[in-house]
Amino acid sequence: MATTATDARRDLLITGLRNIHAVEKQALSIMTPQVERIEHYPEVAERLRAHIEETHEIGRAHAE
């Protein structure tokens, strides 16, 4: 069966979304322990915590 242009675009979108999800999971696995190690930089730690929470919120929204 021949793949249509629409099918190809759909497959590309799905692959891109899977890649983005994997990158976010990897980033969380790095950021979460890192936030504990930067106590001498409270502004950076706070921004990192905010980004972690934003990432979790996006994940929860997509799970619904």
N, C-alpha and C. Protein backbone atom coordinates (compact mmCIF):
# COMPACT_ATOMS: atom_id res chain seq x y z
N MET A 1 0.85 -1.18 0.00
CA MET A 1 0.00 0.00 0.00
C MET A 1 0.89 1.24 0.00
N ALA A 2 0.60 2.17 -0.85
CA ALA A 2 1.38 3.40 -0.95
C ALA A 2 1.04 4.34 0.19
N THR A 3 2.06 5.01 0.68
CA THR A 3 1.87 5.99 1.75
C THR A 3 1.53 7.32 1.12
N THR A 4 0.47 7.92 1.61
CA THR A 4 0.10 9.23 1.09
C THR A 4 0.89 10.31 1.80
N ALA A 5 0.87 11.50 1.23
CA ALA A 5 1.56 12.63 1.86
C ALA A 5 0.99 12.92 3.24
N THR A 6 -0.31 12.74 3.40
CA THR A 6 -0.95 12.96 4.71
C THR A 6 -0.44 11.95 5.72
N ASP A 7 -0.32 10.70 5.31
CA ASP A 7 0.20 9.67 6.20
C ASP A 7 1.65 9.98 6.60
N ALA A 8 2.43 10.43 5.65
CA ALA A 8 3.83 10.76 5.93
C ALA A 8 3.93 11.90 6.92
N ARG A 9 3.09 12.92 6.75
CA ARG A 9 3.10 14.06 7.69
C ARG A 9 2.65 13.62 9.08
N ARG A 10 1.64 12.76 9.13
CA ARG A 10 1.16 12.26 10.42
C ARG A 10 2.27 11.47 11.11
N ASP A 11 2.93 10.60 10.38
CA ASP A 11 4.03 9.81 10.95
C ASP A 11 5.15 10.71 11.46
N LEU A 12 5.46 11.75 10.71
CA LEU A 12 6.50 12.69 11.11
C LEU A 12 6.10 13.42 12.39
N LEU A 13 4.85 13.83 12.48
CA LEU A 13 4.36 14.51 13.68
C LEU A 13 4.45 13.58 14.89
N ILE A 14 4.01 12.35 14.74
CA ILE A 14 4.05 11.40 15.84
C ILE A 14 5.49 11.15 16.29
N THR A 15 6.38 10.98 15.34
CA THR A 15 7.79 10.77 15.68
C THR A 15 8.34 11.98 16.43
N GLY A 16 8.01 13.18 15.96
CA GLY A 16 8.47 14.40 16.62
C GLY A 16 7.95 14.51 18.04
N LEU A 17 6.68 14.19 18.24
CA LEU A 17 6.10 14.25 19.58
C LEU A 17 6.74 13.23 20.51
N ARG A 18 7.02 12.04 19.99
CA ARG A 18 7.69 11.03 20.82
C ARG A 18 9.10 11.50 21.20
N ASN A 19 9.79 12.11 20.25
CA ASN A 19 11.13 12.62 20.54
C ASN A 19 11.10 13.72 21.58
N ILE A 20 10.15 14.64 21.45
CA ILE A 20 10.02 15.73 22.42
C ILE A 20 9.73 15.16 23.81
N HIS A 21 8.85 14.18 23.88
CA HIS A 21 8.53 13.56 25.17
C HIS A 21 9.78 12.93 25.79
N ALA A 22 10.55 12.23 24.98
CA ALA A 22 11.77 11.60 25.48
C ALA A 22 12.77 12.64 25.98
N VAL A 23 12.91 13.74 25.26
CA VAL A 23 13.84 14.80 25.67
C VAL A 23 13.38 15.41 26.99
N GLU A 24 12.09 15.65 27.14
CA GLU A 24 11.58 16.22 28.39
C GLU A 24 11.82 15.27 29.57
N LYS A 25 11.59 13.97 29.36
CA LYS A 25 11.85 13.00 30.43
C LYS A 25 13.32 12.99 30.80
N GLN A 26 14.18 13.05 29.80
CA GLN A 26 15.61 13.06 30.08
C GLN A 26 16.01 14.34 30.81
N ALA A 27 15.45 15.47 30.38
CA ALA A 27 15.76 16.74 31.04
C ALA A 27 15.33 16.71 32.51
N LEU A 28 14.15 16.15 32.77
CA LEU A 28 13.69 16.05 34.16
C LEU A 28 14.62 15.18 35.00
N SER A 29 15.12 14.11 34.40
CA SER A 29 16.01 13.23 35.15
C SER A 29 17.33 13.92 35.49
N ILE A 30 17.68 14.93 34.73
CA ILE A 30 18.90 15.70 35.00
C ILE A 30 18.60 16.85 35.95
N MET A 31 17.51 17.58 35.69
CA MET A 31 17.19 18.78 36.48
C MET A 31 16.81 18.47 37.92
N THR A 32 16.06 17.39 38.12
CA THR A 32 15.54 17.11 39.46
C THR A 32 16.66 16.93 40.49
N PRO A 33 17.66 16.10 40.24
CA PRO A 33 18.74 16.01 41.24
C PRO A 33 19.63 17.26 41.26
N GLN A 34 19.73 17.93 40.12
CA GLN A 34 20.59 19.11 40.04
C GLN A 34 20.11 20.24 40.95
N VAL A 35 18.80 20.37 41.08
CA VAL A 35 18.25 21.47 41.87
C VAL A 35 18.71 21.39 43.33
N GLU A 36 18.98 20.19 43.81
CA GLU A 36 19.46 20.02 45.18
C GLU A 36 20.92 20.44 45.34
N ARG A 37 21.66 20.47 44.25
CA ARG A 37 23.10 20.74 44.31
C ARG A 37 23.46 22.20 44.10
N ILE A 38 22.49 23.04 43.84
CA ILE A 38 22.82 24.44 43.53
C ILE A 38 22.30 25.39 44.59
N GLU A 39 22.41 24.99 45.84
CA GLU A 39 21.89 25.79 46.94
C GLU A 39 22.55 27.16 47.05
N HIS A 40 23.76 27.31 46.52
CA HIS A 40 24.45 28.60 46.59
C HIS A 40 23.97 29.58 45.52
N TYR A 41 23.09 29.13 44.67
CA TYR A 41 22.53 29.96 43.60
C TYR A 41 21.01 29.91 43.68
N PRO A 42 20.43 30.58 44.66
CA PRO A 42 18.99 30.45 44.90
C PRO A 42 18.12 30.89 43.71
N GLU A 43 18.56 31.89 42.96
CA GLU A 43 17.76 32.34 41.81
C GLU A 43 17.71 31.25 40.74
N VAL A 44 18.85 30.62 40.51
CA VAL A 44 18.91 29.55 39.51
C VAL A 44 18.09 28.35 39.99
N ALA A 45 18.21 28.02 41.26
CA ALA A 45 17.46 26.90 41.82
C ALA A 45 15.96 27.14 41.70
N GLU A 46 15.52 28.35 41.98
CA GLU A 46 14.10 28.67 41.89
C GLU A 46 13.60 28.56 40.46
N ARG A 47 14.38 29.05 39.52
CA ARG A 47 13.97 28.96 38.11
C ARG A 47 13.94 27.51 37.65
N LEU A 48 14.88 26.72 38.11
CA LEU A 48 14.91 25.31 37.77
C LEU A 48 13.69 24.59 38.35
N ARG A 49 13.36 24.90 39.60
CA ARG A 49 12.15 24.32 40.21
C ARG A 49 10.90 24.71 39.42
N ALA A 50 10.83 25.96 39.00
CA ALA A 50 9.68 26.42 38.22
C ALA A 50 9.59 25.66 36.90
N HIS A 51 10.73 25.47 36.25
CA HIS A 51 10.73 24.75 34.98
C HIS A 51 10.31 23.29 35.18
N ILE A 52 10.77 22.67 36.25
CA ILE A 52 10.39 21.30 36.56
C ILE A 52 8.88 21.22 36.74
N GLU A 53 8.32 22.15 37.49
CA GLU A 53 6.88 22.16 37.72
C GLU A 53 6.11 22.40 36.42
N GLU A 54 6.58 23.32 35.59
CA GLU A 54 5.94 23.57 34.29
C GLU A 54 5.94 22.31 33.44
N THR A 55 7.05 21.61 33.44
CA THR A 55 7.16 20.38 32.66
C THR A 55 6.17 19.33 33.17
N HIS A 56 6.06 19.21 34.50
CA HIS A 56 5.09 18.26 35.07
C HIS A 56 3.66 18.66 34.72
N GLU A 57 3.35 19.95 34.76
CA GLU A 57 2.00 20.42 34.42
C GLU A 57 1.66 20.09 32.98
N ILE A 58 2.59 20.30 32.09
CA ILE A 58 2.35 19.98 30.67
C ILE A 58 2.10 18.48 30.51
N GLY A 59 2.90 17.68 31.21
CA GLY A 59 2.70 16.23 31.15
C GLY A 59 1.34 15.80 31.66
N ARG A 60 0.89 16.42 32.76
CA ARG A 60 -0.42 16.10 33.30
C ARG A 60 -1.52 16.52 32.33
N ALA A 61 -1.38 17.67 31.70
CA ALA A 61 -2.38 18.15 30.76
C ALA A 61 -2.49 17.22 29.55
N HIS A 62 -1.37 16.70 29.11
CA HIS A 62 -1.38 15.78 27.95
C HIS A 62 -1.93 14.42 28.33
N ALA A 63 -1.84 14.06 29.59
CA ALA A 63 -2.34 12.75 30.03
C ALA A 63 -3.86 12.72 30.12
N GLU A 64 -4.46 13.88 30.20
CA GLU A 64 -5.93 13.95 30.33
C GLU A 64 -6.64 13.66 29.05
